[in-house]
Amino acid sequence: MASGTDTRGEVPGLQSVAMHLACTRFGLTVAEALAGTTVHAARALGLAGEAGVIAPGARADLVVWDADHPAQLVYWVGLDPVAAVVKRGRFVIG
């Protein structure tokens, strides 16, 4: 299952909303919700191997969260736990 928002990453904190809904409304585990907002979402958009993963040859677009465990993101609805943002391998925040 792919999940996400239509903001293209322009509104901080919305990935946690997508994960929250996936876990609380659809019964996904935290690992399934995280995969749904990353690797599965990229595949649904035709970007498998290019986005949604941390791997050689991928875009290197990623967000670093100030969280001890991904499960925290499920409960931080609307908050912005972003510590850093990397776009095409370069830090743009943090």
C-alpha atoms as a PDB file:
ATOM      1  CA  MET A   1       0.000   0.000   0.000  1.00  0.00           C
ATOM      2  CA  ALA A   2       1.301   3.444  -0.897  1.00  0.00           C
ATOM      3  CA  SER A   3       0.334   6.464   1.180  1.00  0.00           C
ATOM      4  CA  GLY A   4       1.300  10.093   1.249  1.00  0.00           C
ATOM      5  CA  THR A   5       0.165  13.636   0.611  1.00  0.00           C
ATOM      6  CA  ASP A   6      -0.024  15.805  -2.459  1.00  0.00           C
ATOM      7  CA  THR A   7       2.282  18.555  -1.177  1.00  0.00           C
ATOM      8  CA  ARG A   8       5.504  17.225  -2.756  1.00  0.00           C
ATOM      9  CA  GLY A   9       7.233  17.670   0.614  1.00  0.00           C
ATOM     10  CA  GLU A  10       6.484  21.394   0.754  1.00  0.00           C
ATOM     11  CA  VAL A  11       4.493  21.227   4.007  1.00  0.00           C
ATOM     12  CA  PRO A  12       6.567  19.956   6.952  1.00  0.00           C
ATOM     13  CA  GLY A  13       5.002  17.314   9.164  1.00  0.00           C
ATOM     14  CA  LEU A  14       2.557  15.820   6.664  1.00  0.00           C
ATOM     15  CA  GLN A  15       4.371  12.502   6.356  1.00  0.00           C
ATOM     16  CA  SER A  16       3.570  11.949  10.030  1.00  0.00           C
ATOM     17  CA  VAL A  17      -0.115  12.611   9.235  1.00  0.00           C
ATOM     18  CA  ALA A  18      -0.059   9.995   6.463  1.00  0.00           C
ATOM     19  CA  MET A  19       1.656   7.527   8.801  1.00  0.00           C
ATOM     20  CA  HIS A  20      -0.789   8.303  11.615  1.00  0.00           C
ATOM     21  CA  LEU A  21      -3.793   7.604   9.397  1.00  0.00           C
ATOM     22  CA  ALA A  22      -2.220   4.442   7.999  1.00  0.00           C
ATOM     23  CA  CYS A  23      -1.645   3.067  11.507  1.00  0.00           C
ATOM     24  CA  THR A  24      -4.752   4.255  13.334  1.00  0.00           C
ATOM     25  CA  ARG A  25      -7.358   3.985  10.583  1.00  0.00           C
ATOM     26  CA  PHE A  26      -6.029   1.217   8.353  1.00  0.00           C
ATOM     27  CA  GLY A  27      -4.261  -0.959  10.932  1.00  0.00           C
ATOM     28  CA  LEU A  28      -0.788  -0.886   9.374  1.00  0.00           C
ATOM     29  CA  THR A  29       2.278  -1.419  11.519  1.00  0.00           C
ATOM     30  CA  VAL A  30       4.748   1.451  11.825  1.00  0.00           C
ATOM     31  CA  ALA A  31       7.144  -0.373   9.464  1.00  0.00           C
ATOM     32  CA  GLU A  32       4.345  -0.830   6.897  1.00  0.00           C
ATOM     33  CA  ALA A  33       3.328   2.837   7.182  1.00  0.00           C
ATOM     34  CA  LEU A  34       6.931   4.002   6.751  1.00  0.00           C
ATOM     35  CA  ALA A  35       7.332   1.782   3.683  1.00  0.00           C
ATOM     36  CA  GLY A  36       4.019   3.114   2.352  1.00  0.00           C
ATOM     37  CA  THR A  37       5.268   6.708   2.517  1.00  0.00           C
ATOM     38  CA  THR A  38       8.663   5.899   1.005  1.00  0.00           C
ATOM     39  CA  VAL A  39       9.452   2.874  -1.174  1.00  0.00           C
ATOM     40  CA  HIS A  40       5.838   1.945  -2.026  1.00  0.00           C
ATOM     41  CA  ALA A  41       4.876   5.561  -2.756  1.00  0.00           C
ATOM     42  CA  ALA A  42       7.876   5.896  -5.093  1.00  0.00           C
ATOM     43  CA  ARG A  43       6.893   2.701  -6.908  1.00  0.00           C
ATOM     44  CA  ALA A  44       3.290   3.943  -7.277  1.00  0.00           C
ATOM     45  CA  LEU A  45       4.663   7.107  -8.902  1.00  0.00           C
ATOM     46  CA  GLY A  46       6.905   5.171 -11.279  1.00  0.00           C
ATOM     47  CA  LEU A  47      10.066   6.169  -9.385  1.00  0.00           C
ATOM     48  CA  ALA A  48      11.125   2.759  -8.003  1.00  0.00           C
ATOM     49  CA  GLY A  49      14.878   2.632  -7.402  1.00  0.00           C
ATOM     50  CA  GLU A  50      15.167   6.369  -7.988  1.00  0.00           C
ATOM     51  CA  ALA A  51      13.221   7.661  -4.988  1.00  0.00           C
ATOM     52  CA  GLY A  52      11.884   6.258  -1.727  1.00  0.00           C
ATOM     53  CA  VAL A  53      15.095   4.401  -0.879  1.00  0.00           C
ATOM     54  CA  ILE A  54      18.571   5.118   0.410  1.00  0.00           C
ATOM     55  CA  ALA A  55      20.724   3.306  -2.118  1.00  0.00           C
ATOM     56  CA  PRO A  56      23.531   3.855  -4.627  1.00  0.00           C
ATOM     57  CA  GLY A  57      22.151   5.566  -7.718  1.00  0.00           C
ATOM     58  CA  ALA A  58      19.035   6.907  -5.965  1.00  0.00           C
ATOM     59  CA  ARG A  59      18.328  10.640  -5.797  1.00  0.00           C
ATOM     60  CA  ALA A  60      19.511  11.089  -2.210  1.00  0.00           C
ATOM     61  CA  ASP A  61      16.429  13.113  -1.295  1.00  0.00           C
ATOM     62  CA  LEU A  62      15.684  12.410   2.344  1.00  0.00           C
ATOM     63  CA  VAL A  63      14.512  13.809   5.637  1.00  0.00           C
ATOM     64  CA  VAL A  64      16.321  13.241   8.928  1.00  0.00           C
ATOM     65  CA  TRP A  65      13.926  13.251  11.878  1.00  0.00           C
ATOM     66  CA  ASP A  66      14.691  14.149  15.471  1.00  0.00           C
ATOM     67  CA  ALA A  67      13.106  10.944  16.777  1.00  0.00           C
ATOM     68  CA  ASP A  68      14.351   7.928  18.669  1.00  0.00           C
ATOM     69  CA  HIS A  69      12.069   5.528  16.794  1.00  0.00           C
ATOM     70  CA  PRO A  70       9.816   5.811  13.705  1.00  0.00           C
ATOM     71  CA  ALA A  71       6.799   4.978  15.896  1.00  0.00           C
ATOM     72  CA  GLN A  72       7.080   8.461  17.404  1.00  0.00           C
ATOM     73  CA  LEU A  73       6.169   9.973  14.022  1.00  0.00           C
ATOM     74  CA  VAL A  74       2.771   8.289  14.135  1.00  0.00           C
ATOM     75  CA  TYR A  75       1.868  10.312  17.236  1.00  0.00           C
ATOM     76  CA  TRP A  76       3.464  13.637  16.260  1.00  0.00           C
ATOM     77  CA  VAL A  77       0.581  14.555  13.962  1.00  0.00           C
ATOM     78  CA  GLY A  78       1.141  17.955  12.399  1.00  0.00           C
ATOM     79  CA  LEU A  79       4.367  18.574  14.304  1.00  0.00           C
ATOM     80  CA  ASP A  80       7.630  19.129  12.505  1.00  0.00           C
ATOM     81  CA  PRO A  81      10.291  16.717  13.835  1.00  0.00           C
ATOM     82  CA  VAL A  82      12.617  17.514  10.900  1.00  0.00           C
ATOM     83  CA  ALA A  83      16.274  17.830  11.912  1.00  0.00           C
ATOM     84  CA  ALA A  84      17.669  18.002   8.368  1.00  0.00           C
ATOM     85  CA  VAL A  85      16.625  17.774   4.728  1.00  0.00           C
ATOM     86  CA  VAL A  86      18.861  16.460   1.960  1.00  0.00           C
ATOM     87  CA  LYS A  87      17.975  17.095  -1.700  1.00  0.00           C
ATOM     88  CA  ARG A  88      20.033  15.455  -4.420  1.00  0.00           C
ATOM     89  CA  GLY A  89      22.740  14.688  -1.878  1.00  0.00           C
ATOM     90  CA  ARG A  90      23.069  18.221  -0.467  1.00  0.00           C
ATOM     91  CA  PHE A  91      21.841  19.480   2.900  1.00  0.00           C
ATOM     92  CA  VAL A  92      19.240  22.210   2.391  1.00  0.00           C
ATOM     93  CA  ILE A  93      18.076  22.331   6.025  1.00  0.00           C
ATOM     94  CA  GLY A  94      20.127  21.319   9.042  1.00  0.00           C
END
